Amino acid sequence: MNESTETHNAHSRLNQLTRALDSGAAGQIRSLLGNLHPAEIADVLESFPHGPREILWELVDPEDYGETLLHVNDEVRTGLIEEMDASDLVAATDGLDTDDLADLLQDLPDTLTMQVLRSMDKQNRERLESVLRYPEDSAGGMMDVEVVTVRADVELDVVLRYLRIHGNIPEMTDSLFVVDRAGMYRGMLPLISLLTNDPGCLVAAVMERDIHGIPADLPDVEVARLFEDRDLISAPVISETGVLLGRITIDDVVDVIREDADHSLLSMAGLDEEDDTFAPVFRSAGRRAVWLGINLGTAFLASWVIGLFQATLQQVVALAVLMPIVASMGGISGSQTLIIVIRGMALGQIGGSNARWLLYKELAVTALNGIAWATVVAVIAALWFDNVNIGLIIGAALIINLVCAALSGLSIPFLLQRLNIDPAHAGTVLLTTITDVIGFMVFLGLGTMFLL
């Protein structure tokens, strides 16, 4: 199913549920929701404002509560949890995978968390506690501790009989994990190898040894990169000493990739991917006010620079007409470099060792574009105002501002990273300020020097 079809289906669901809500057809709503996957129910809930959302939640099958809560964003989840009874919340945690349960527990009140822990048997409680020891955004926080392990010195036939006796295996199992007597990770036994090789073969003869364990403290974005680079479906998580702790599966990695993409996109505007799209007006306004205030401060700085050249602008009106072009071109050019650098840093492709090479490349690209477009703008401006000097001034200002924009777009992410500030969050504001201030100062300064 392609993206346009999925989007059409999502819109169709929203329209059907909206009409059912308007008509008060609770039975129809319950039927529509019952045919959806918990992830689709989560999308539906995030698409409705408060009021209708709560009505829909009451009509969701209680068996889907746990999975649905995992798929909605943090703010929506908090609101739904506040509306639920303690008994319903405890029931919602039943049957969840250990890693999913660990994620959900972090949003529950402490009293409910203790109640959930008390309702679990000793083995599952210990498994959960082993996941909770690690940060949520690490391999240990992502892992599922339910794994099937085998020894290297047993025959495949023994493994097959063990699986038949066991009855079932964890979902998304594509391989079994090979460990020694001390629980140290030694390799993986793909199910395809188990089924297609001679049952009399030893596990050691067909196991894969080239899939290394993932350290439990590895950040989740690094885990996602490993899965992408190595085309993994599942991978082992190990302790510092090499003991097998659990596994990570591709479905968990897809969640990380989506969250990281949402974060990168929304952070550019100073927003949070976990915010509720339909949050109350005053709450949303308060969040956005912070970055609007910061942007206003930078705008006043740019205006102050313009004010320094008020006398020039009064005498040469053409400068006021052309001034936005310089700032706009610098902002766009700098944003191109900024986005490339932030993306490269996120993918681990750009660091201190190769930053100089990227600088040379970006300066060369900027110089070529700067000369080309400065020439075009200079000719247009000279013909427009019948003044060659104005054309030369704006052309020179464009080249200077584009070079400064490239330098800023490259250096700002490294500077913010060193200050432990997310470059995606603050980079755009800083870049815009720099390109505006330098663009106005250079253009108006040259105009003051050569036109007055």
Protein backbone atom coordinates (compact mmCIF):
# COMPACT_ATOMS: atom_id res chain seq x y z
CA MET A 1 0.00 0.00 0.00
CA ASN A 2 1.56 3.31 -1.06
CA GLU A 3 1.67 6.50 0.97
CA SER A 4 -1.16 8.23 -0.91
CA THR A 5 -3.47 5.24 -0.32
CA GLU A 6 -2.65 5.20 3.38
CA THR A 7 -3.33 8.94 3.61
CA HIS A 8 -6.65 8.48 1.81
CA ASN A 9 -7.64 5.69 4.20
CA ALA A 10 -6.72 7.83 7.21
CA HIS A 11 -8.85 10.72 5.92
CA SER A 12 -11.71 8.31 5.24
CA ARG A 13 -11.55 6.98 8.81
CA LEU A 14 -11.57 10.50 10.21
CA ASN A 15 -14.58 11.47 8.11
CA GLN A 16 -16.51 8.34 9.12
CA LEU A 17 -15.77 8.81 12.82
CA THR A 18 -16.60 12.51 12.67
CA ARG A 19 -19.99 11.77 11.13
CA ALA A 20 -20.62 9.02 13.68
CA LEU A 21 -19.73 11.37 16.54
CA ASP A 22 -22.01 14.07 15.18
CA SER A 23 -24.90 11.59 14.96
CA GLY A 24 -24.16 9.99 18.33
CA ALA A 25 -23.84 6.50 16.80
CA ALA A 26 -21.85 4.83 19.57
CA GLY A 27 -22.31 1.36 18.11
CA GLN A 28 -20.91 2.44 14.76
CA ILE A 29 -17.94 4.13 16.43
CA ARG A 30 -17.20 1.01 18.48
CA SER A 31 -17.35 -1.09 15.32
CA LEU A 32 -15.07 1.25 13.37
CA LEU A 33 -12.50 1.35 16.18
CA GLY A 34 -12.70 -2.41 16.63
CA ASN A 35 -11.50 -2.93 13.06
CA LEU A 36 -8.38 -0.81 13.58
CA HIS A 37 -4.92 -1.75 14.79
CA PRO A 38 -3.93 -0.06 18.09
CA ALA A 39 -1.46 2.13 16.17
CA GLU A 40 -4.28 3.30 13.89
CA ILE A 41 -6.48 3.96 16.91
CA ALA A 42 -3.66 6.08 18.32
CA ASP A 43 -3.52 8.13 15.10
CA VAL A 44 -7.28 8.63 15.29
CA LEU A 45 -7.13 9.82 18.91
CA GLU A 46 -4.34 12.29 18.09
CA SER A 47 -6.50 13.65 15.25
CA PHE A 48 -9.39 14.74 17.49
CA PRO A 49 -9.55 17.57 20.04
CA HIS A 50 -10.38 17.12 23.70
CA GLY A 51 -14.00 16.10 24.22
CA PRO A 52 -14.45 13.97 21.12
CA ARG A 53 -11.15 12.25 21.97
CA GLU A 54 -12.41 11.21 25.39
CA ILE A 55 -15.65 9.89 23.86
CA LEU A 56 -13.68 7.80 21.38
CA TRP A 57 -11.40 6.49 24.14
CA GLU A 58 -14.38 5.24 26.13
CA LEU A 59 -15.50 3.24 23.08
CA VAL A 60 -12.12 1.59 22.46
CA ASP A 61 -11.96 -2.09 23.37
CA PRO A 62 -10.23 -2.30 26.80
CA GLU A 63 -8.03 -5.07 25.40
CA ASP A 64 -6.47 -2.46 23.09
CA TYR A 65 -5.81 0.10 25.84
CA GLY A 66 -2.21 -0.91 26.52
CA GLU A 67 -1.01 -1.05 22.90
CA THR A 68 -2.86 2.16 22.03
CA LEU A 69 -1.33 4.08 24.92
CA LEU A 70 2.10 3.06 23.67
CA HIS A 71 1.50 4.54 20.23
CA VAL A 72 0.07 7.96 21.17
CA ASN A 73 2.49 10.79 21.93
CA ASP A 74 3.45 11.63 25.50
CA GLU A 75 1.04 14.50 26.06
CA VAL A 76 -1.98 12.66 24.68
CA ARG A 77 -1.03 9.58 26.71
CA THR A 78 -0.85 11.62 29.91
CA GLY A 79 -4.33 13.03 29.26
CA LEU A 80 -5.83 9.60 28.59
CA ILE A 81 -4.19 8.10 31.68
CA GLU A 82 -5.70 10.86 33.83
CA GLU A 83 -9.17 9.83 32.61
CA MET A 84 -8.71 6.12 33.39
CA ASP A 85 -9.48 4.20 36.55
CA ALA A 86 -6.60 2.56 38.38
CA SER A 87 -8.00 -0.91 37.74
CA ASP A 88 -8.25 -0.23 33.99
CA LEU A 89 -4.68 1.02 33.90
CA VAL A 90 -3.35 -2.06 35.66
CA ALA A 91 -5.34 -4.28 33.29
CA ALA A 92 -3.96 -2.34 30.30
CA THR A 93 -0.42 -3.33 31.23
CA ASP A 94 -1.25 -7.05 31.16
CA GLY A 95 0.28 -8.86 28.21
CA LEU A 96 2.58 -6.04 27.09
CA ASP A 97 6.16 -6.87 26.13
CA THR A 98 8.69 -5.98 28.79
CA ASP A 99 10.23 -3.10 26.84
CA ASP A 100 6.79 -1.65 26.05
CA LEU A 101 5.69 -2.01 29.64
CA ALA A 102 8.81 -0.17 30.79
CA ASP A 103 7.94 2.75 28.48
CA LEU A 104 4.37 2.90 29.75
CA LEU A 105 5.26 2.69 33.44
CA GLN A 106 7.30 5.88 33.21
CA ASP A 107 4.07 7.82 32.58
CA LEU A 108 2.06 6.19 35.37
CA PRO A 109 1.75 7.64 38.89
CA ASP A 110 4.14 6.04 41.40
CA THR A 111 1.30 4.37 43.28
CA LEU A 112 0.07 2.69 40.12
CA THR A 113 3.58 1.67 39.15
CA MET A 114 3.98 -0.14 42.46
CA GLN A 115 0.56 -1.73 41.99
CA VAL A 116 1.58 -3.03 38.55
CA LEU A 117 4.86 -4.40 39.91
CA ARG A 118 3.05 -6.18 42.73
CA SER A 119 0.65 -7.78 40.24
CA MET A 120 3.54 -9.42 38.35
CA ASP A 121 5.24 -12.71 39.14
CA LYS A 122 8.86 -12.68 40.30
CA GLN A 123 10.37 -13.58 36.92
CA ASN A 124 8.52 -10.88 34.97
CA ARG A 125 9.16 -8.30 37.69
CA GLU A 126 12.89 -8.99 37.55
CA ARG A 127 12.81 -8.72 33.75
CA LEU A 128 11.04 -5.38 33.96
CA GLU A 129 13.44 -4.03 36.57
CA SER A 130 16.38 -5.00 34.35
CA VAL A 131 14.98 -2.79 31.57
CA LEU A 132 14.10 0.09 33.90
CA ARG A 133 17.74 0.28 35.00
CA TYR A 134 18.64 1.85 31.66
CA PRO A 135 17.61 5.20 30.13
CA GLU A 136 14.57 5.03 27.87
CA ASP A 137 16.60 6.26 24.89
CA SER A 138 19.30 3.59 25.16
CA ALA A 139 19.63 0.04 23.86
CA GLY A 140 18.94 -1.28 27.36
CA GLY A 141 15.77 0.79 27.59
CA MET A 142 14.60 -0.47 24.20
CA MET A 143 15.39 -4.15 24.66
CA ASP A 144 12.98 -7.00 25.17
CA VAL A 145 14.34 -9.48 27.71
CA GLU A 146 12.21 -12.35 26.38
CA VAL A 147 14.71 -14.28 24.28
CA VAL A 148 15.26 -17.89 23.33
CA THR A 149 18.83 -19.04 24.01
CA VAL A 150 20.68 -22.20 22.97
CA ARG A 151 24.16 -23.66 23.50
CA ALA A 152 26.70 -24.03 20.74
CA ASP A 153 27.50 -27.66 21.60
CA VAL A 154 24.00 -29.11 21.04
CA GLU A 155 22.55 -30.57 17.86
CA LEU A 156 19.92 -28.79 15.79
CA ASP A 157 17.51 -31.65 16.42
CA VAL A 158 17.73 -30.96 20.16
CA VAL A 159 16.92 -27.30 19.52
CA LEU A 160 13.91 -28.23 17.40
CA ARG A 161 12.57 -30.57 20.09
CA TYR A 162 13.10 -27.85 22.69
CA LEU A 163 11.07 -25.36 20.62
CA ARG A 164 8.25 -27.87 20.17
CA ILE A 165 8.13 -28.47 23.93
CA HIS A 166 8.32 -24.76 24.60
CA GLY A 167 5.19 -24.28 22.50
CA ASN A 168 5.69 -20.71 21.33
CA ILE A 169 8.42 -18.16 20.82
CA PRO A 170 8.46 -14.36 21.25
CA GLU A 171 7.06 -12.28 18.39
CA MET A 172 9.51 -10.99 15.76
CA THR A 173 11.87 -13.89 16.43
CA ASP A 174 14.03 -14.50 13.37
CA SER A 175 17.01 -15.96 15.22
CA LEU A 176 17.88 -17.74 18.44
CA PHE A 177 20.75 -16.48 20.58
CA VAL A 178 23.73 -18.66 21.31
CA VAL A 179 25.25 -18.33 24.80
CA ASP A 180 27.72 -20.29 26.91
CA ARG A 181 27.12 -21.67 30.38
CA ALA A 182 27.86 -18.28 31.94
CA GLY A 183 25.28 -16.55 29.73
CA MET A 184 27.93 -14.86 27.57
CA TYR A 185 26.73 -14.02 24.06
CA ARG A 186 28.49 -16.08 21.36
CA GLY A 187 26.40 -15.67 18.21
CA MET A 188 23.02 -16.11 16.54
CA LEU A 189 21.23 -19.10 15.07
CA PRO A 190 18.86 -17.95 12.29
CA LEU A 191 15.65 -19.95 12.13
CA ILE A 192 16.25 -20.50 8.41
CA SER A 193 19.55 -22.24 9.27
CA LEU A 194 17.84 -24.29 11.95
CA LEU A 195 15.20 -25.54 9.49
CA THR A 196 17.33 -26.11 6.40
CA ASN A 197 20.41 -27.83 7.83
CA ASP A 198 20.95 -31.47 8.82
CA PRO A 199 19.33 -32.00 12.26
CA GLY A 200 22.48 -33.84 13.31
CA CYS A 201 24.66 -30.72 12.86
CA LEU A 202 25.88 -28.86 15.92
CA VAL A 203 24.70 -25.30 16.51
CA ALA A 204 28.35 -24.22 16.42
CA ALA A 205 28.62 -25.38 12.80
CA VAL A 206 25.81 -23.17 11.43
CA MET A 207 25.59 -20.25 13.87
CA GLU A 208 26.50 -16.71 12.78
CA ARG A 209 29.37 -15.14 14.70
CA ASP A 210 29.67 -11.85 12.82
CA ILE A 211 26.66 -10.15 14.45
CA HIS A 212 28.14 -8.44 17.46
CA GLY A 213 26.21 -7.61 20.61
CA ILE A 214 24.94 -4.07 21.12
CA PRO A 215 26.13 -2.43 24.37
CA ALA A 216 23.19 -1.72 26.67
CA ASP A 217 24.19 1.93 27.09
CA LEU A 218 24.35 2.68 23.35
CA PRO A 219 21.99 5.59 22.41
CA ASP A 220 18.87 4.58 20.49
CA VAL A 221 19.80 6.63 17.41
CA GLU A 222 23.06 4.67 17.19
CA VAL A 223 21.09 1.44 17.49
CA ALA A 224 18.87 2.54 14.60
CA ARG A 225 21.96 3.29 12.51
CA LEU A 226 23.34 -0.19 13.17
CA PHE A 227 20.09 -1.78 12.04
CA GLU A 228 20.07 0.35 8.89
CA ASP A 229 23.71 -0.28 8.00
CA ARG A 230 23.59 -4.03 8.63
CA ASP A 231 20.01 -4.74 7.49
CA LEU A 232 19.18 -6.35 10.84
CA ILE A 233 15.79 -7.67 11.91
CA SER A 234 16.86 -8.37 15.48
CA ALA A 235 20.07 -7.98 17.45
CA PRO A 236 21.38 -8.97 20.90
CA VAL A 237 21.90 -6.49 23.73
CA ILE A 238 24.83 -7.27 26.01
CA SER A 239 26.29 -5.98 29.28
CA GLU A 240 29.77 -4.51 29.68
CA THR A 241 31.07 -8.01 30.36
CA GLY A 242 29.36 -9.56 27.33
CA VAL A 243 26.44 -11.23 29.10
CA LEU A 244 23.29 -11.45 26.96
CA LEU A 245 20.63 -9.15 28.43
CA GLY A 246 17.92 -9.13 25.77
CA ARG A 247 17.20 -8.28 22.16
CA ILE A 248 16.09 -5.37 20.02
CA THR A 249 13.76 -5.94 17.08
CA ILE A 250 13.12 -3.91 13.96
CA ASP A 251 9.70 -2.69 15.12
CA ASP A 252 11.35 -0.86 18.03
CA VAL A 253 13.91 0.66 15.67
CA VAL A 254 11.21 1.95 13.30
CA ASP A 255 9.70 3.85 16.24
CA VAL A 256 13.08 5.44 16.97
CA ILE A 257 13.56 6.47 13.34
CA ARG A 258 10.12 8.08 13.21
CA GLU A 259 10.61 9.90 16.51
CA ASP A 260 14.00 11.18 15.39
CA ALA A 261 12.56 12.41 12.09
CA ASP A 262 9.69 14.18 13.87
CA HIS A 263 12.13 15.72 16.31
CA SER A 264 14.40 17.06 13.56
CA LEU A 265 11.48 18.55 11.62
CA LEU A 266 9.63 20.17 14.52
CA SER A 267 12.72 21.36 16.38
CA MET A 268 13.51 23.63 13.45
CA ALA A 269 10.43 25.61 14.50
CA GLY A 270 11.07 25.32 18.23
CA LEU A 271 8.30 22.72 18.64
CA ASP A 272 8.22 19.32 20.36
CA GLU A 273 7.19 16.09 18.64
CA GLU A 274 5.46 14.96 21.84
CA ASP A 275 3.13 17.96 21.97
CA ASP A 276 -0.57 17.38 21.47
CA THR A 277 -1.70 18.88 18.14
CA PHE A 278 -5.06 19.69 19.73
CA ALA A 279 -3.72 20.87 23.09
CA PRO A 280 -5.61 23.74 24.78
CA VAL A 281 -5.04 27.13 23.18
CA PHE A 282 -3.34 28.77 26.16
CA ARG A 283 -0.94 25.86 26.65
CA SER A 284 0.10 25.86 22.98
CA ALA A 285 0.37 29.63 22.94
CA GLY A 286 2.64 29.57 25.99
CA ARG A 287 5.01 27.07 24.40
CA ARG A 288 5.31 28.97 21.14
CA ALA A 289 5.60 32.33 22.88
CA VAL A 290 9.10 31.49 24.11
CA TRP A 291 10.57 31.06 20.64
CA LEU A 292 8.52 33.90 19.20
CA GLY A 293 9.97 36.10 21.95
CA ILE A 294 13.50 35.00 21.11
CA ASN A 295 12.87 35.65 17.43
CA LEU A 296 11.43 39.08 18.26
CA GLY A 297 14.60 39.94 20.13
CA THR A 298 16.72 39.02 17.14
CA ALA A 299 14.41 41.02 14.87
CA PHE A 300 14.94 44.10 17.06
CA LEU A 301 18.68 43.55 16.74
CA ALA A 302 18.37 43.56 12.94
CA SER A 303 16.16 46.65 13.11
CA TRP A 304 18.74 48.39 15.29
CA VAL A 305 21.37 47.76 12.64
CA ILE A 306 19.06 49.25 10.00
CA GLY A 307 18.47 52.25 12.27
CA LEU A 308 22.19 52.99 12.25
CA PHE A 309 21.85 53.78 8.55
CA GLN A 310 18.63 55.80 8.73
CA ALA A 311 20.21 58.82 7.10
CA THR A 312 21.45 56.73 4.20
CA LEU A 313 18.03 55.17 3.65
CA GLN A 314 16.35 58.59 3.64
CA GLN A 315 18.63 59.78 0.84
CA VAL A 316 18.87 56.55 -1.19
CA VAL A 317 15.40 54.97 -1.25
CA ALA A 318 16.60 52.22 -3.62
CA LEU A 319 18.57 50.65 -0.76
CA ALA A 320 15.38 50.19 1.27
CA VAL A 321 13.71 48.50 -1.69
CA LEU A 322 16.59 46.10 -2.33
CA MET A 323 17.61 45.45 1.28
CA PRO A 324 15.35 42.37 1.88
CA ILE A 325 16.98 40.57 -1.06
CA VAL A 326 20.37 40.46 0.62
CA ALA A 327 19.03 39.12 3.92
CA SER A 328 16.71 36.60 2.25
CA MET A 329 19.40 35.12 -0.01
CA GLY A 330 21.80 34.82 2.91
CA GLY A 331 19.18 33.12 5.06
CA ILE A 332 18.30 30.54 2.38
CA SER A 333 21.94 29.77 1.55
CA GLY A 334 22.89 29.44 5.21
CA SER A 335 19.89 27.19 5.90
CA GLN A 336 21.00 24.82 3.15
CA THR A 337 24.40 24.41 4.79
CA LEU A 338 22.89 24.23 8.27
CA ILE A 339 20.50 21.42 7.33
CA ILE A 340 23.26 19.44 5.61
CA VAL A 341 25.50 19.71 8.68
CA ILE A 342 22.77 18.84 11.19
CA ARG A 343 21.74 15.83 9.11
CA GLY A 344 25.35 14.70 8.77
CA MET A 345 25.92 15.06 12.50
CA ALA A 346 22.77 13.07 13.25
CA LEU A 347 23.93 10.28 10.93
CA GLY A 348 27.45 10.32 12.34
CA GLN A 349 28.89 11.35 8.97
CA ILE A 350 30.24 14.75 10.04
CA GLY A 351 32.58 15.48 12.92
CA GLY A 352 35.66 17.46 13.81
CA SER A 353 37.87 15.28 11.62
CA ASN A 354 36.16 16.11 8.32
CA ALA A 355 34.59 19.50 9.10
CA ARG A 356 37.40 21.32 7.27
CA TRP A 357 36.75 19.38 4.06
CA LEU A 358 33.07 20.23 4.28
CA LEU A 359 33.95 23.88 4.90
CA TYR A 360 36.02 24.02 1.70
CA LYS A 361 33.23 22.35 -0.25
CA GLU A 362 30.49 24.65 1.09
CA LEU A 363 32.60 27.76 0.48
CA ALA A 364 33.23 26.65 -3.10
CA VAL A 365 29.53 25.97 -3.69
CA THR A 366 28.59 29.30 -2.10
CA ALA A 367 31.18 31.17 -4.13
CA LEU A 368 29.85 29.75 -7.41
CA ASN A 369 26.22 30.47 -6.52
CA GLY A 370 27.14 33.82 -5.01
CA ILE A 371 28.93 35.05 -8.13
CA ALA A 372 26.18 33.75 -10.43
CA TRP A 373 23.22 35.19 -8.55
CA ALA A 374 25.03 38.38 -7.50
CA THR A 375 25.62 39.08 -11.19
CA VAL A 376 21.94 38.53 -11.99
CA VAL A 377 20.76 40.74 -9.12
CA ALA A 378 23.35 43.43 -9.89
CA VAL A 379 22.24 43.69 -13.51
CA ILE A 380 18.55 43.83 -12.56
CA ALA A 381 19.16 46.45 -9.85
CA ALA A 382 21.32 48.61 -12.15
CA LEU A 383 18.68 48.57 -14.89
CA TRP A 384 15.81 49.04 -12.41
CA PHE A 385 17.25 52.18 -10.78
CA ASP A 386 19.43 53.26 -13.72
CA ASN A 387 22.46 53.28 -11.42
CA VAL A 388 25.45 51.01 -11.94
CA ASN A 389 26.82 51.71 -8.46
CA ILE A 390 23.68 50.31 -6.81
CA GLY A 391 24.05 47.15 -8.86
CA LEU A 392 27.71 46.75 -7.85
CA ILE A 393 26.91 47.37 -4.19
CA ILE A 394 24.13 44.83 -3.92
CA GLY A 395 26.20 42.31 -5.88
CA ALA A 396 29.15 42.68 -3.49
CA ALA A 397 26.86 42.57 -0.44
CA LEU A 398 25.24 39.36 -1.69
CA ILE A 399 28.58 37.58 -2.14
CA ILE A 400 29.83 38.66 1.29
CA ASN A 401 26.60 37.66 3.04
CA LEU A 402 26.43 34.28 1.29
CA VAL A 403 29.99 33.46 2.36
CA CYS A 404 29.20 34.49 5.95
CA ALA A 405 26.02 32.42 5.81
CA ALA A 406 27.97 29.33 4.74
CA LEU A 407 30.49 29.82 7.54
CA SER A 408 27.66 30.30 10.05
CA GLY A 409 25.67 27.32 8.78
CA LEU A 410 28.71 25.11 9.28
CA SER A 411 29.96 26.46 12.61
CA ILE A 412 26.67 26.98 14.50
CA PRO A 413 25.81 23.25 14.84
CA PHE A 414 29.28 22.44 16.22
CA LEU A 415 29.12 25.36 18.64
CA LEU A 416 25.66 24.41 19.91
CA GLN A 417 26.66 20.76 20.22
CA ARG A 418 29.64 21.76 22.35
CA LEU A 419 27.25 23.74 24.58
CA ASN A 420 24.95 20.68 24.85
CA ILE A 421 22.18 22.47 22.94
CA ASP A 422 20.25 20.67 20.21
CA PRO A 423 21.40 22.26 16.90
CA ALA A 424 18.02 21.51 15.30
CA HIS A 425 16.29 23.45 18.06
CA ALA A 426 18.27 26.70 18.11
CA GLY A 427 20.30 26.67 14.90
CA THR A 428 17.74 28.36 12.66
CA VAL A 429 17.17 31.30 15.01
CA LEU A 430 20.89 32.00 15.34
CA LEU A 431 21.51 31.63 11.63
CA THR A 432 18.68 33.99 10.68
CA THR A 433 19.97 36.61 13.10
CA ILE A 434 23.51 36.42 11.74
CA THR A 435 22.53 36.58 8.07
CA ASP A 436 20.10 39.46 8.68
CA VAL A 437 22.55 41.52 10.72
CA ILE A 438 25.54 40.94 8.44
CA GLY A 439 23.46 41.37 5.29
CA PHE A 440 21.96 44.68 6.38
CA MET A 441 25.24 45.98 7.77
CA VAL A 442 27.29 45.13 4.69
CA PHE A 443 24.70 46.37 2.17
CA LEU A 444 23.90 49.61 3.97
CA GLY A 445 27.51 50.17 4.91
CA LEU A 446 28.63 49.90 1.29
CA GLY A 447 25.76 52.18 0.30
CA THR A 448 26.86 54.79 2.82
CA MET A 449 30.46 54.63 1.60
CA PHE A 450 29.84 54.83 -2.15
CA LEU A 451 26.48 56.54 -2.67
CA LEU A 452 26.67 59.47 -0.27
